[in-house]
Amino acid sequence: MTQLSISTGAGVFDAIAAGPPEGRPALLLHGFPQTGLVWRRQIEAPAAHGYRVVAPDQRGYSPGSRPQRPEDYRISLLVDDVIAISEELGWAAFDLVGHDWGGAVAWWTAHAHPGRVRTLTVISTPHPGALATTLRTDQDQRTRSHYMIDWRDTPATEERMLAHDAQELRDFYAGKVPQDSADAYVSHLSQPGALTAALNWYRAGRPDGAIGVIDVPTLYVWSTEDSAFGPAAAQETERWVKGPYRFETLQGVGHWIPEEAPETLSRLLLEHLQAHGK
């Protein structure tokens, strides 16, 4: 893998990349509280098959693109970042992959720019419309999502998460994420202003508009032990995709699928990309 700095109108995004520069492009979006490093296992398989794979540290996670105001993390601006990165890389169309918050950005990008997204792969995060529906109708999902409200409290949340050598932050990863990756995430988010920027994704407010159904070929991977997203939202997602759709459930796996089940996810991702390779 190589390190990249991608300059856009919104700032400079750090990224890791692999595969031939002329290969079919794929962009991988991380979630909270991680970085592009989360994809280090998934980068390998597509790159080995000739894909050009880039995994940026998104807005707030890259020091060169870290605005201070919560409103600067609205979903429309995060989608703009995806398009700006792809344009800077010279990609007219690309395969898009996202986990956690990166999954939400991926759904919204496929909705707003279907002509740019060749295929969509989302891990863990249900379609935003499906999540909104189950937040109204499913008590289990409301309970699972309550942390999103709690984390809007500032600066108490970041102070609590970073206290005692970032013990609360470390607890998110314990037993699920490789120790070297967990250490790297904690070190990254302990930089001045980094954790506040990451939490601003939760504090930015509601999306500017409504999201509709997705037309592009979509793979959605959900796991039965996910603490954030329950089965109701996962199953509801199918109603929000009218393009070719594949839903995979991983039994006994938690929220951190890219690192808990790296081989399985890499296989599913490569199958999806190859099935829609034209």
Foldseek 3Di string as FASTA:
>chain_A
DDWDWFQFPQWTWIKDKAADLPFAEEEEEEAPLAALVLCPLLRPLVRVVHYIYIYIGFALLGPGRNDQDLQCLALVNRLVVVVRRCVSSVQQAHAYEYAHVGLQSQLVNLQVCVVRHQEYEYEADFHPVLLVVCCVPPPLLVVLAVVLVVLLDPPVNVCVCPPPNSVVQLVVPPPAADPVRSVVSSVSCPPPSRVSSSNSNSVNDDHPDDGAAGAHAYEYEHEPAESNDHPSSLVSRVVRYDHHYHYHYHYPHYRSCCGRPVVVVSVVVVVSCVVSVD
